[in-house]
C-alpha atoms as a PDB file:
ATOM      1  CA  UNK A   1     106.155 -60.838 -97.415  1.00  0.00           C
ATOM      2  CA  UNK A   2     103.528 -63.420 -97.525  1.00  0.00           C
ATOM      3  CA  UNK A   3     100.567 -61.382 -99.932  1.00  0.00           C
ATOM      4  CA  UNK A   4      96.877 -63.162-100.702  1.00  0.00           C
ATOM      5  CA  UNK A   5      94.569 -63.325-103.618  1.00  0.00           C
ATOM      6  CA  UNK A   6      91.640 -62.329-104.011  1.00  0.00           C
ATOM      7  CA  UNK A   7      88.978 -64.267-104.500  1.00  0.00           C
ATOM      8  CA  UNK A   8      88.254 -63.354-108.083  1.00  0.00           C
ATOM      9  CA  UNK A   9      92.181 -63.774-108.778  1.00  0.00           C
ATOM     10  CA  UNK A  10      91.855 -66.994-107.383  1.00  0.00           C
ATOM     11  CA  UNK A  11      88.528 -67.900-109.545  1.00  0.00           C
ATOM     12  CA  UNK A  12      90.096 -66.884-112.421  1.00  0.00           C
ATOM     13  CA  UNK A  13      93.345 -68.125-112.421  1.00  0.00           C
ATOM     14  CA  UNK A  14      91.572 -71.776-111.612  1.00  0.00           C
ATOM     15  CA  UNK A  15      90.317 -71.138-115.397  1.00  0.00           C
ATOM     16  CA  UNK A  16      93.781 -71.183-116.772  1.00  0.00           C
ATOM     17  CA  UNK A  17      94.224 -74.549-118.781  1.00  0.00           C
ATOM     18  CA  UNK A  18      91.810 -77.342-119.498  1.00  0.00           C
ATOM     19  CA  UNK A  19      91.781 -79.976-116.685  1.00  0.00           C
ATOM     20  CA  UNK A  20      89.720 -82.247-119.254  1.00  0.00           C
ATOM     21  CA  UNK A  21      92.263 -84.200-120.901  1.00  0.00           C
ATOM     22  CA  UNK A  22      91.633 -86.860-124.241  1.00  0.00           C
ATOM     23  CA  UNK A  23      90.549 -90.130-123.328  1.00  0.00           C
ATOM     24  CA  UNK A  24      93.001 -93.331-123.985  1.00  0.00           C
ATOM     25  CA  UNK A  25      92.031 -95.963-126.403  1.00  0.00           C
ATOM     26  CA  UNK A  26      89.976 -98.484-123.960  1.00  0.00           C
ATOM     27  CA  UNK A  27      91.519-101.619-125.501  1.00  0.00           C
ATOM     28  CA  UNK A  28      94.759-101.446-124.876  1.00  0.00           C
ATOM     29  CA  UNK A  29      96.561-103.271-121.698  1.00  0.00           C
ATOM     30  CA  UNK A  30      96.804-106.407-120.727  1.00  0.00           C
ATOM     31  CA  UNK A  31      98.904-109.039-118.098  1.00  0.00           C
ATOM     32  CA  UNK A  32     102.373-109.923-118.498  1.00  0.00           C
ATOM     33  CA  UNK A  33     103.012-113.216-116.466  1.00  0.00           C
ATOM     34  CA  UNK A  34     106.406-114.056-114.707  1.00  0.00           C
ATOM     35  CA  UNK A  35     105.366-116.508-112.658  1.00  0.00           C
ATOM     36  CA  UNK A  36     102.768-118.941-113.075  1.00  0.00           C
ATOM     37  CA  UNK A  37     102.016-118.224-109.342  1.00  0.00           C
ATOM     38  CA  UNK A  38      99.652-115.603-111.113  1.00  0.00           C
ATOM     39  CA  UNK A  39      97.321-117.050-112.835  1.00  0.00           C
ATOM     40  CA  UNK A  40      95.980-117.981-109.212  1.00  0.00           C
ATOM     41  CA  UNK A  41      94.944-114.054-109.154  1.00  0.00           C
ATOM     42  CA  UNK A  42      94.772-112.730-112.765  1.00  0.00           C
ATOM     43  CA  UNK A  43      93.506-115.172-115.677  1.00  0.00           C
ATOM     44  CA  UNK A  44      96.227-114.684-118.357  1.00  0.00           C
ATOM     45  CA  UNK A  45      93.645-112.778-121.168  1.00  0.00           C
ATOM     46  CA  UNK A  46      92.564-110.309-118.327  1.00  0.00           C
ATOM     47  CA  UNK A  47      92.524-106.760-119.493  1.00  0.00           C
ATOM     48  CA  UNK A  48      91.720-103.997-117.912  1.00  0.00           C
ATOM     49  CA  UNK A  49      88.237-101.801-118.557  1.00  0.00           C
ATOM     50  CA  UNK A  50      88.240 -98.468-118.482  1.00  0.00           C
ATOM     51  CA  UNK A  51      85.356 -97.314-116.352  1.00  0.00           C
ATOM     52  CA  UNK A  52      85.377 -93.310-116.383  1.00  0.00           C
ATOM     53  CA  UNK A  53      87.872 -91.241-118.629  1.00  0.00           C
ATOM     54  CA  UNK A  54      88.528 -87.413-119.832  1.00  0.00           C
ATOM     55  CA  UNK A  55      89.807 -86.287-116.238  1.00  0.00           C
ATOM     56  CA  UNK A  56      92.779 -84.526-115.141  1.00  0.00           C
ATOM     57  CA  UNK A  57      95.494 -86.652-113.500  1.00  0.00           C
ATOM     58  CA  UNK A  58      93.999 -89.335-111.228  1.00  0.00           C
ATOM     59  CA  UNK A  59      94.787 -90.371-107.454  1.00  0.00           C
ATOM     60  CA  UNK A  60      94.146 -92.081-104.487  1.00  0.00           C
ATOM     61  CA  UNK A  61      91.418 -94.581-104.917  1.00  0.00           C
ATOM     62  CA  UNK A  62      89.431 -96.139-102.014  1.00  0.00           C
ATOM     63  CA  UNK A  63      86.079 -97.536-101.697  1.00  0.00           C
ATOM     64  CA  UNK A  64      83.979 -96.468 -98.607  1.00  0.00           C
ATOM     65  CA  UNK A  65      81.918 -98.546 -96.409  1.00  0.00           C
ATOM     66  CA  UNK A  66      78.513 -97.181 -98.089  1.00  0.00           C
ATOM     67  CA  UNK A  67      79.386 -98.543-101.763  1.00  0.00           C
ATOM     68  CA  UNK A  68      81.215 -96.437-103.773  1.00  0.00           C
ATOM     69  CA  UNK A  69      84.653 -95.587-104.707  1.00  0.00           C
ATOM     70  CA  UNK A  70      86.162 -92.084-104.196  1.00  0.00           C
ATOM     71  CA  UNK A  71      89.258 -90.981-106.435  1.00  0.00           C
ATOM     72  CA  UNK A  72      91.199 -87.222-106.255  1.00  0.00           C
ATOM     73  CA  UNK A  73      91.511 -85.589-110.082  1.00  0.00           C
ATOM     74  CA  UNK A  74      94.641 -83.186-108.960  1.00  0.00           C
ATOM     75  CA  UNK A  75      94.271 -81.431-111.678  1.00  0.00           C
ATOM     76  CA  UNK A  76      90.793 -79.804-111.297  1.00  0.00           C
ATOM     77  CA  UNK A  77      91.058 -79.899-107.802  1.00  0.00           C
ATOM     78  CA  UNK A  78      87.865 -82.088-107.692  1.00  0.00           C
ATOM     79  CA  UNK A  79      87.409 -85.383-105.707  1.00  0.00           C
ATOM     80  CA  UNK A  80      84.897 -88.211-107.629  1.00  0.00           C
ATOM     81  CA  UNK A  81      82.413 -90.426-106.604  1.00  0.00           C
ATOM     82  CA  UNK A  82      82.019 -93.588-108.295  1.00  0.00           C
ATOM     83  CA  UNK A  83      78.375 -95.712-107.832  1.00  0.00           C
ATOM     84  CA  UNK A  84      79.238 -99.222-109.781  1.00  0.00           C
ATOM     85  CA  UNK A  85      78.007 -99.882-112.609  1.00  0.00           C
ATOM     86  CA  UNK A  86      78.543 -96.614-114.155  1.00  0.00           C
ATOM     87  CA  UNK A  87      77.669 -93.561-111.931  1.00  0.00           C
ATOM     88  CA  UNK A  88      79.978 -90.837-112.026  1.00  0.00           C
ATOM     89  CA  UNK A  89      79.323 -88.137-109.616  1.00  0.00           C
ATOM     90  CA  UNK A  90      81.234 -85.233-108.338  1.00  0.00           C
ATOM     91  CA  UNK A  91      81.717 -85.327-104.394  1.00  0.00           C
ATOM     92  CA  UNK A  92      83.767 -83.035-103.210  1.00  0.00           C
ATOM     93  CA  UNK A  93      84.775 -79.421-105.297  1.00  0.00           C
ATOM     94  CA  UNK A  94      87.600 -77.292-105.240  1.00  0.00           C
ATOM     95  CA  UNK A  95      89.388 -79.486-102.171  1.00  0.00           C
ATOM     96  CA  UNK A  96      93.132 -79.689-101.469  1.00  0.00           C
ATOM     97  CA  UNK A  97      94.647 -76.617-102.998  1.00  0.00           C
ATOM     98  CA  UNK A  98      93.538 -72.549-101.501  1.00  0.00           C
ATOM     99  CA  UNK A  99      95.206 -69.313-102.288  1.00  0.00           C
ATOM    100  CA  UNK A 100      94.771 -67.653 -98.897  1.00  0.00           C
ATOM    101  CA  UNK A 101      97.623 -69.979 -97.144  1.00  0.00           C
ATOM    102  CA  UNK A 102     100.743 -69.824 -99.924  1.00  0.00           C
ATOM    103  CA  UNK A 103     102.706 -66.754-101.047  1.00  0.00           C
ATOM    104  CA  UNK A 104     102.067 -65.673-104.226  1.00  0.00           C
ATOM    105  CA  UNK A 105     105.690 -66.798-105.776  1.00  0.00           C
ATOM    106  CA  UNK A 106     104.531 -70.402-104.935  1.00  0.00           C
ATOM    107  CA  UNK A 107     100.681 -70.205-106.192  1.00  0.00           C
ATOM    108  CA  UNK A 108     101.665 -68.875-109.791  1.00  0.00           C
ATOM    109  CA  UNK A 109     104.303 -71.527-110.025  1.00  0.00           C
ATOM    110  CA  UNK A 110     101.313 -74.080-109.295  1.00  0.00           C
ATOM    111  CA  UNK A 111      98.582 -72.681-111.467  1.00  0.00           C
ATOM    112  CA  UNK A 112     101.339 -72.591-114.298  1.00  0.00           C
ATOM    113  CA  UNK A 113     103.368 -75.358-113.913  1.00  0.00           C
ATOM    114  CA  UNK A 114     102.393 -78.027-111.655  1.00  0.00           C
ATOM    115  CA  UNK A 115      98.384 -77.307-111.554  1.00  0.00           C
ATOM    116  CA  UNK A 116      97.613 -80.881-112.294  1.00  0.00           C
ATOM    117  CA  UNK A 117      99.109 -81.816-108.780  1.00  0.00           C
ATOM    118  CA  UNK A 118      98.715 -79.538-106.121  1.00  0.00           C
ATOM    119  CA  UNK A 119      94.868 -80.916-105.757  1.00  0.00           C
ATOM    120  CA  UNK A 120      94.065 -83.885-102.946  1.00  0.00           C
ATOM    121  CA  UNK A 121      95.654 -86.681-103.521  1.00  0.00           C
ATOM    122  CA  UNK A 122      95.772 -89.944-100.885  1.00  0.00           C
ATOM    123  CA  UNK A 123      92.246 -90.699 -99.940  1.00  0.00           C
ATOM    124  CA  UNK A 124      91.263 -93.048 -96.752  1.00  0.00           C
ATOM    125  CA  UNK A 125      88.981 -93.426 -94.398  1.00  0.00           C
ATOM    126  CA  UNK A 126      89.765 -94.536 -90.699  1.00  0.00           C
ATOM    127  CA  UNK A 127      87.590 -96.738 -88.791  1.00  0.00           C
ATOM    128  CA  UNK A 128      84.367 -94.307 -87.973  1.00  0.00           C
ATOM    129  CA  UNK A 129      83.979 -94.301 -91.393  1.00  0.00           C
ATOM    130  CA  UNK A 130      85.242 -90.814 -91.521  1.00  0.00           C
ATOM    131  CA  UNK A 131      87.172 -89.785 -94.727  1.00  0.00           C
ATOM    132  CA  UNK A 132      90.874 -88.408 -94.230  1.00  0.00           C
ATOM    133  CA  UNK A 133      92.615 -86.782 -96.910  1.00  0.00           C
ATOM    134  CA  UNK A 134      96.123 -85.951 -98.094  1.00  0.00           C
ATOM    135  CA  UNK A 135      95.581 -82.290 -99.182  1.00  0.00           C
ATOM    136  CA  UNK A 136      98.764 -81.717-101.628  1.00  0.00           C
ATOM    137  CA  UNK A 137      99.270 -77.950-101.954  1.00  0.00           C
ATOM    138  CA  UNK A 138      97.448 -77.370 -98.993  1.00  0.00           C
ATOM    139  CA  UNK A 139     100.583 -79.165 -97.369  1.00  0.00           C
ATOM    140  CA  UNK A 140      98.276 -80.573 -94.778  1.00  0.00           C
ATOM    141  CA  UNK A 141      96.031 -84.050 -93.647  1.00  0.00           C
ATOM    142  CA  UNK A 142      92.352 -83.318 -93.341  1.00  0.00           C
ATOM    143  CA  UNK A 143      89.892 -85.282 -92.235  1.00  0.00           C
ATOM    144  CA  UNK A 144      85.736 -84.716 -93.218  1.00  0.00           C
ATOM    145  CA  UNK A 145      83.619 -85.090 -89.660  1.00  0.00           C
ATOM    146  CA  UNK A 146      80.346 -86.449 -90.203  1.00  0.00           C
ATOM    147  CA  UNK A 147      78.666 -83.580 -89.927  1.00  0.00           C
ATOM    148  CA  UNK A 148      80.367 -82.191 -93.308  1.00  0.00           C
ATOM    149  CA  UNK A 149      82.827 -80.191 -91.052  1.00  0.00           C
ATOM    150  CA  UNK A 150      86.606 -80.437 -91.810  1.00  0.00           C
ATOM    151  CA  UNK A 151      89.404 -81.140 -89.484  1.00  0.00           C
ATOM    152  CA  UNK A 152      92.670 -80.859 -89.225  1.00  0.00           C
ATOM    153  CA  UNK A 153      95.175 -83.799 -88.422  1.00  0.00           C
ATOM    154  CA  UNK A 154      98.366 -82.882 -89.552  1.00  0.00           C
ATOM    155  CA  UNK A 155      99.811 -79.675 -90.983  1.00  0.00           C
ATOM    156  CA  UNK A 156     103.421 -78.791 -88.921  1.00  0.00           C
ATOM    157  CA  UNK A 157     105.930 -80.879 -87.542  1.00  0.00           C
ATOM    158  CA  UNK A 158     108.010 -79.538 -84.660  1.00  0.00           C
ATOM    159  CA  UNK A 159     106.604 -75.957 -86.149  1.00  0.00           C
ATOM    160  CA  UNK A 160     107.478 -76.098 -89.598  1.00  0.00           C
ATOM    161  CA  UNK A 161     105.657 -77.164 -92.387  1.00  0.00           C
ATOM    162  CA  UNK A 162     104.671 -80.133 -93.709  1.00  0.00           C
ATOM    163  CA  UNK A 163     106.082 -81.126 -97.580  1.00  0.00           C
ATOM    164  CA  UNK A 164     103.087 -81.852 -99.248  1.00  0.00           C
ATOM    165  CA  UNK A 165     101.711 -85.112 -97.824  1.00  0.00           C
ATOM    166  CA  UNK A 166     100.854 -87.562-100.673  1.00  0.00           C
ATOM    167  CA  UNK A 167      99.374 -91.006 -99.460  1.00  0.00           C
ATOM    168  CA  UNK A 168      98.192 -92.750 -96.350  1.00  0.00           C
ATOM    169  CA  UNK A 169      97.328 -96.102 -94.574  1.00  0.00           C
ATOM    170  CA  UNK A 170      95.041 -96.923 -91.601  1.00  0.00           C
ATOM    171  CA  UNK A 171      96.300 -99.698 -88.875  1.00  0.00           C
ATOM    172  CA  UNK A 172      93.648-101.687 -87.564  1.00  0.00           C
ATOM    173  CA  UNK A 173      93.616 -99.557 -84.716  1.00  0.00           C
ATOM    174  CA  UNK A 174      93.427 -96.384 -85.899  1.00  0.00           C
ATOM    175  CA  UNK A 175      97.038 -94.972 -85.999  1.00  0.00           C
ATOM    176  CA  UNK A 176      97.697 -93.119 -89.324  1.00  0.00           C
ATOM    177  CA  UNK A 177     101.257 -92.989 -91.585  1.00  0.00           C
ATOM    178  CA  UNK A 178     101.165 -90.614 -94.414  1.00  0.00           C
ATOM    179  CA  UNK A 179     104.381 -89.961 -96.509  1.00  0.00           C
ATOM    180  CA  UNK A 180     105.660 -86.751 -97.119  1.00  0.00           C
ATOM    181  CA  UNK A 181     107.496 -86.443 -99.913  1.00  0.00           C
ATOM    182  CA  UNK A 182     108.367 -82.326-101.774  1.00  0.00           C
ATOM    183  CA  UNK A 183     106.393 -83.507-105.138  1.00  0.00           C
ATOM    184  CA  UNK A 184     103.607 -80.882-104.524  1.00  0.00           C
ATOM    185  CA  UNK A 185     106.116 -77.789-103.807  1.00  0.00           C
ATOM    186  CA  UNK A 186     106.628 -75.581-107.220  1.00  0.00           C
ATOM    187  CA  UNK A 187     110.329 -76.561-107.162  1.00  0.00           C
ATOM    188  CA  UNK A 188     110.755 -79.864-105.431  1.00  0.00           C
ATOM    189  CA  UNK A 189     113.431 -80.445-102.551  1.00  0.00           C
ATOM    190  CA  UNK A 190     114.847 -76.794-104.004  1.00  0.00           C
ATOM    191  CA  UNK A 191     111.324 -74.589-102.915  1.00  0.00           C
ATOM    192  CA  UNK A 192     112.118 -71.603-100.999  1.00  0.00           C
ATOM    193  CA  UNK A 193     109.066 -72.579 -98.639  1.00  0.00           C
ATOM    194  CA  UNK A 194     110.273 -75.890 -97.988  1.00  0.00           C
ATOM    195  CA  UNK A 195     110.700 -75.821 -94.174  1.00  0.00           C
ATOM    196  CA  UNK A 196     110.919 -79.709 -93.526  1.00  0.00           C
ATOM    197  CA  UNK A 197     115.293 -80.487 -93.943  1.00  0.00           C
ATOM    198  CA  UNK A 198     113.950 -84.063 -95.439  1.00  0.00           C
ATOM    199  CA  UNK A 199     111.114 -86.014 -96.916  1.00  0.00           C
ATOM    200  CA  UNK A 200     109.625 -87.751 -93.621  1.00  0.00           C
ATOM    201  CA  UNK A 201     107.375 -90.610 -93.369  1.00  0.00           C
ATOM    202  CA  UNK A 202     104.830 -89.794 -90.148  1.00  0.00           C
ATOM    203  CA  UNK A 203     102.943 -91.393 -87.794  1.00  0.00           C
ATOM    204  CA  UNK A 204      99.895 -90.201 -86.402  1.00  0.00           C
ATOM    205  CA  UNK A 205      98.792 -91.772 -82.552  1.00  0.00           C
ATOM    206  CA  UNK A 206      96.954 -90.611 -79.402  1.00  0.00           C
ATOM    207  CA  UNK A 207     100.256 -89.151 -78.782  1.00  0.00           C
ATOM    208  CA  UNK A 208      99.824 -86.843 -81.885  1.00  0.00           C
ATOM    209  CA  UNK A 209     102.196 -86.599 -85.001  1.00  0.00           C
ATOM    210  CA  UNK A 210     105.342 -88.200 -85.123  1.00  0.00           C
ATOM    211  CA  UNK A 211     108.223 -88.777 -87.607  1.00  0.00           C
ATOM    212  CA  UNK A 212     109.128 -92.702 -87.929  1.00  0.00           C
ATOM    213  CA  UNK A 213     111.141 -92.522 -90.414  1.00  0.00           C
ATOM    214  CA  UNK A 214     113.095 -89.604 -92.889  1.00  0.00           C
ATOM    215  CA  UNK A 215     115.377 -92.168 -94.931  1.00  0.00           C
ATOM    216  CA  UNK A 216     114.358 -92.204 -98.211  1.00  0.00           C
ATOM    217  CA  UNK A 217     114.377 -89.414-100.593  1.00  0.00           C
ATOM    218  CA  UNK A 218     110.706 -89.278-102.102  1.00  0.00           C
ATOM    219  CA  UNK A 219     108.552 -92.032-100.264  1.00  0.00           C
ATOM    220  CA  UNK A 220     105.032 -92.238-101.837  1.00  0.00           C
ATOM    221  CA  UNK A 221     102.924 -95.004-101.682  1.00  0.00           C
ATOM    222  CA  UNK A 222     102.371 -97.013 -98.401  1.00  0.00           C
ATOM    223  CA  UNK A 223     100.800-100.339 -97.624  1.00  0.00           C
ATOM    224  CA  UNK A 224     100.123-102.582 -94.521  1.00  0.00           C
ATOM    225  CA  UNK A 225     100.644-106.065 -94.698  1.00  0.00           C
ATOM    226  CA  UNK A 226      97.465-108.309 -93.860  1.00  0.00           C
ATOM    227  CA  UNK A 227      98.934-108.865 -90.476  1.00  0.00           C
ATOM    228  CA  UNK A 228     100.348-105.236 -89.962  1.00  0.00           C
ATOM    229  CA  UNK A 229     103.889-106.552 -88.749  1.00  0.00           C
ATOM    230  CA  UNK A 230     105.754-104.569 -91.504  1.00  0.00           C
ATOM    231  CA  UNK A 231     104.744-101.082 -93.735  1.00  0.00           C
ATOM    232  CA  UNK A 232     105.845-101.309 -97.413  1.00  0.00           C
ATOM    233  CA  UNK A 233     107.123 -98.102 -98.901  1.00  0.00           C
ATOM    234  CA  UNK A 234     108.162 -96.800-101.855  1.00  0.00           C
ATOM    235  CA  UNK A 235     109.774 -93.666-103.502  1.00  0.00           C
ATOM    236  CA  UNK A 236     109.170 -92.206-106.317  1.00  0.00           C
ATOM    237  CA  UNK A 237     112.904 -91.467-107.658  1.00  0.00           C
ATOM    238  CA  UNK A 238     114.744 -91.480-110.889  1.00  0.00           C
ATOM    239  CA  UNK A 239     116.837 -94.472-110.769  1.00  0.00           C
ATOM    240  CA  UNK A 240     115.773 -95.204-107.463  1.00  0.00           C
ATOM    241  CA  UNK A 241     112.908 -97.739-107.846  1.00  0.00           C
ATOM    242  CA  UNK A 242     113.009 -99.538-104.439  1.00  0.00           C
ATOM    243  CA  UNK A 243     110.241-100.551-102.310  1.00  0.00           C
ATOM    244  CA  UNK A 244     111.099-101.006 -98.540  1.00  0.00           C
ATOM    245  CA  UNK A 245     109.596-103.116 -96.201  1.00  0.00           C
ATOM    246  CA  UNK A 246     109.886-102.089 -92.537  1.00  0.00           C
ATOM    247  CA  UNK A 247     109.260-103.812 -89.188  1.00  0.00           C
ATOM    248  CA  UNK A 248     106.300-102.097 -87.875  1.00  0.00           C
ATOM    249  CA  UNK A 249     106.504-101.877 -83.536  1.00  0.00           C
ATOM    250  CA  UNK A 250     103.061-102.312 -80.605  1.00  0.00           C
ATOM    251  CA  UNK A 251     103.743 -98.420 -80.672  1.00  0.00           C
ATOM    252  CA  UNK A 252     103.537 -97.797 -84.278  1.00  0.00           C
ATOM    253  CA  UNK A 253     107.065 -96.772 -84.753  1.00  0.00           C
ATOM    254  CA  UNK A 254     109.606 -98.522 -87.567  1.00  0.00           C
ATOM    255  CA  UNK A 255     112.323-100.399 -87.571  1.00  0.00           C
ATOM    256  CA  UNK A 256     114.870-102.561 -89.493  1.00  0.00           C
ATOM    257  CA  UNK A 257     113.670-101.093 -93.058  1.00  0.00           C
ATOM    258  CA  UNK A 258     115.187-102.979 -95.828  1.00  0.00           C
ATOM    259  CA  UNK A 259     115.110-103.008 -99.461  1.00  0.00           C
ATOM    260  CA  UNK A 260     112.411-105.756-100.290  1.00  0.00           C
ATOM    261  CA  UNK A 261     111.761-104.713-103.940  1.00  0.00           C
ATOM    262  CA  UNK A 262     113.893-103.264-106.714  1.00  0.00           C
ATOM    263  CA  UNK A 263     112.470-102.261-109.163  1.00  0.00           C
ATOM    264  CA  UNK A 264     115.229-100.796-111.677  1.00  0.00           C
ATOM    265  CA  UNK A 265     115.491 -99.478-114.619  1.00  0.00           C
ATOM    266  CA  UNK A 266     112.230 -98.640-113.600  1.00  0.00           C
ATOM    267  CA  UNK A 267     111.519 -94.736-112.882  1.00  0.00           C
ATOM    268  CA  UNK A 268     110.261 -95.245-110.172  1.00  0.00           C
ATOM    269  CA  UNK A 269     107.137 -96.638-108.039  1.00  0.00           C
ATOM    270  CA  UNK A 270     103.831 -94.511-107.011  1.00  0.00           C
ATOM    271  CA  UNK A 271     100.840 -96.315-105.768  1.00  0.00           C
ATOM    272  CA  UNK A 272     100.327 -99.821-103.252  1.00  0.00           C
ATOM    273  CA  UNK A 273      98.356-101.975-101.730  1.00  0.00           C
ATOM    274  CA  UNK A 274      98.213-105.396-100.523  1.00  0.00           C
ATOM    275  CA  UNK A 275      95.904-107.915-101.025  1.00  0.00           C
ATOM    276  CA  UNK A 276      94.581-110.541 -98.303  1.00  0.00           C
ATOM    277  CA  UNK A 277      97.722-113.390 -99.526  1.00  0.00           C
ATOM    278  CA  UNK A 278      99.961-110.948 -98.873  1.00  0.00           C
ATOM    279  CA  UNK A 279     100.767-109.899-102.605  1.00  0.00           C
ATOM    280  CA  UNK A 280     101.884-106.196-103.064  1.00  0.00           C
ATOM    281  CA  UNK A 281     100.252-104.388-106.200  1.00  0.00           C
ATOM    282  CA  UNK A 282     102.773-101.687-107.065  1.00  0.00           C
ATOM    283  CA  UNK A 283     102.299 -98.942-109.557  1.00  0.00           C
ATOM    284  CA  UNK A 284     104.952 -97.993-111.929  1.00  0.00           C
ATOM    285  CA  UNK A 285     104.855 -96.531-115.751  1.00  0.00           C
ATOM    286  CA  UNK A 286     104.935-100.560-116.751  1.00  0.00           C
ATOM    287  CA  UNK A 287     101.910-100.667-115.270  1.00  0.00           C
ATOM    288  CA  UNK A 288     100.609-102.750-111.886  1.00  0.00           C
ATOM    289  CA  UNK A 289     103.753-104.706-111.140  1.00  0.00           C
ATOM    290  CA  UNK A 290     102.435-107.824-108.839  1.00  0.00           C
ATOM    291  CA  UNK A 291     104.911-108.979-106.532  1.00  0.00           C
ATOM    292  CA  UNK A 292     104.508-111.896-104.010  1.00  0.00           C
ATOM    293  CA  UNK A 293     105.725-112.191 -99.810  1.00  0.00           C
ATOM    294  CA  UNK A 294     108.898-113.157-100.698  1.00  0.00           C
ATOM    295  CA  UNK A 295     109.911-110.284-103.263  1.00  0.00           C
ATOM    296  CA  UNK A 296     109.119-112.227-106.195  1.00  0.00           C
ATOM    297  CA  UNK A 297     107.941-110.288-109.421  1.00  0.00           C
ATOM    298  CA  UNK A 298     104.434-112.679-110.594  1.00  0.00           C
ATOM    299  CA  UNK A 299     104.119-110.332-113.294  1.00  0.00           C
ATOM    300  CA  UNK A 300     103.058-107.012-114.762  1.00  0.00           C
ATOM    301  CA  UNK A 301      99.404-105.556-115.492  1.00  0.00           C
ATOM    302  CA  UNK A 302      99.762-102.900-118.370  1.00  0.00           C
ATOM    303  CA  UNK A 303      97.089-100.522-118.033  1.00  0.00           C
ATOM    304  CA  UNK A 304      96.754 -97.987-121.544  1.00  0.00           C
ATOM    305  CA  UNK A 305      98.066 -95.131-119.837  1.00  0.00           C
ATOM    306  CA  UNK A 306     100.437 -95.147-116.464  1.00  0.00           C
ATOM    307  CA  UNK A 307      98.576 -96.022-113.177  1.00  0.00           C
ATOM    308  CA  UNK A 308      99.255 -93.847-110.387  1.00  0.00           C
ATOM    309  CA  UNK A 309      97.167 -95.413-107.430  1.00  0.00           C
ATOM    310  CA  UNK A 310      94.857 -98.390-106.360  1.00  0.00           C
ATOM    311  CA  UNK A 311      92.030 -99.332-104.594  1.00  0.00           C
ATOM    312  CA  UNK A 312      89.837-103.223-103.356  1.00  0.00           C
ATOM    313  CA  UNK A 313      86.605-102.925-104.290  1.00  0.00           C
ATOM    314  CA  UNK A 314      83.217-103.671-104.589  1.00  0.00           C
ATOM    315  CA  UNK A 315      80.833-106.186-102.017  1.00  0.00           C
ATOM    316  CA  UNK A 316      83.803-108.983-102.520  1.00  0.00           C
ATOM    317  CA  UNK A 317      86.503-106.554-102.514  1.00  0.00           C
ATOM    318  CA  UNK A 318      87.691-108.500-105.638  1.00  0.00           C
ATOM    319  CA  UNK A 319      87.894-105.646-107.816  1.00  0.00           C
ATOM    320  CA  UNK A 320      90.951-104.316-108.318  1.00  0.00           C
ATOM    321  CA  UNK A 321      90.362-100.275-109.031  1.00  0.00           C
ATOM    322  CA  UNK A 322      92.809 -98.444-110.430  1.00  0.00           C
ATOM    323  CA  UNK A 323      93.174 -94.904-111.013  1.00  0.00           C
ATOM    324  CA  UNK A 324      95.604 -93.339-114.184  1.00  0.00           C
ATOM    325  CA  UNK A 325      96.910 -90.543-115.804  1.00  0.00           C
ATOM    326  CA  UNK A 326      93.720 -89.293-117.298  1.00  0.00           C
ATOM    327  CA  UNK A 327      91.151 -92.497-116.865  1.00  0.00           C
ATOM    328  CA  UNK A 328      89.348 -94.992-114.106  1.00  0.00           C
ATOM    329  CA  UNK A 329      89.874 -98.221-115.012  1.00  0.00           C
ATOM    330  CA  UNK A 330      88.764-101.788-112.904  1.00  0.00           C
ATOM    331  CA  UNK A 331      89.468-105.403-112.957  1.00  0.00           C
ATOM    332  CA  UNK A 332      88.385-108.496-111.849  1.00  0.00           C
ATOM    333  CA  UNK A 333      90.500-110.274-109.765  1.00  0.00           C
ATOM    334  CA  UNK A 334      90.287-114.303-109.285  1.00  0.00           C
END
């Protein structure tokens, strides 16, 4: 039987534990060069600059067409706005997870054990400038309309609830790809509320919601190549730190998935982005790995704490904004 929590109890449980954390040292980090080609991207003395700190668990940065950065705090269930050079404000409060749509069992596990991973995750703007959100805890993808109302973009596939949408990327024609691992479920793959028998990569198009791949364990970050011929998807699983590259067909479906990069012995990759020349930037426990279009590792940008995701920003799109566990960082690239 599904039990609903009363609003007062939900509000009380939200206060369990502190969602704000201590800052990491701001002067740590740097660049580890493997191939001199990296010099064309980052100066050898590059160090990340911490722009803001003390958050719970950051994810999903995206640059707005209106000239600011948005990012998710999965522990606090907030979306923040960063306006350069130093203006931080709350953009959306208490989003990504609500009590009404969960069993009492799942709710308590999320709040007491997995509190830091139940809020909003990946963020992206569509070509109309509307913010689209992976609501990790609510197990759905939503969109904020221009009038402020919320539209559910994807919640069920063939009648079954999604697992926990993680990250997303739009194609230039408006098609939307998103990953749906089981990370947001209290017991992961073995959670009793898991309805889909796989972790999927989904496509939202004019035809509706479609499954384009179910072959990866824990699909996580994803990024399109500049010409949109390829979709890169990684998996965050122990001993399976792989980035897979798919060919993207005209109708948006995927084919010929091959291993593009193996990061062993890293435990896994998280968020990914691609630059204008096709270089891939992948966050991992070792830092931000920079990989050229042929799959060669050029070097690693080390962050004082484990990075989770990244986004290009500023008017010239030459600032790489990086979310980490508790802080937001920035790096200027060449």
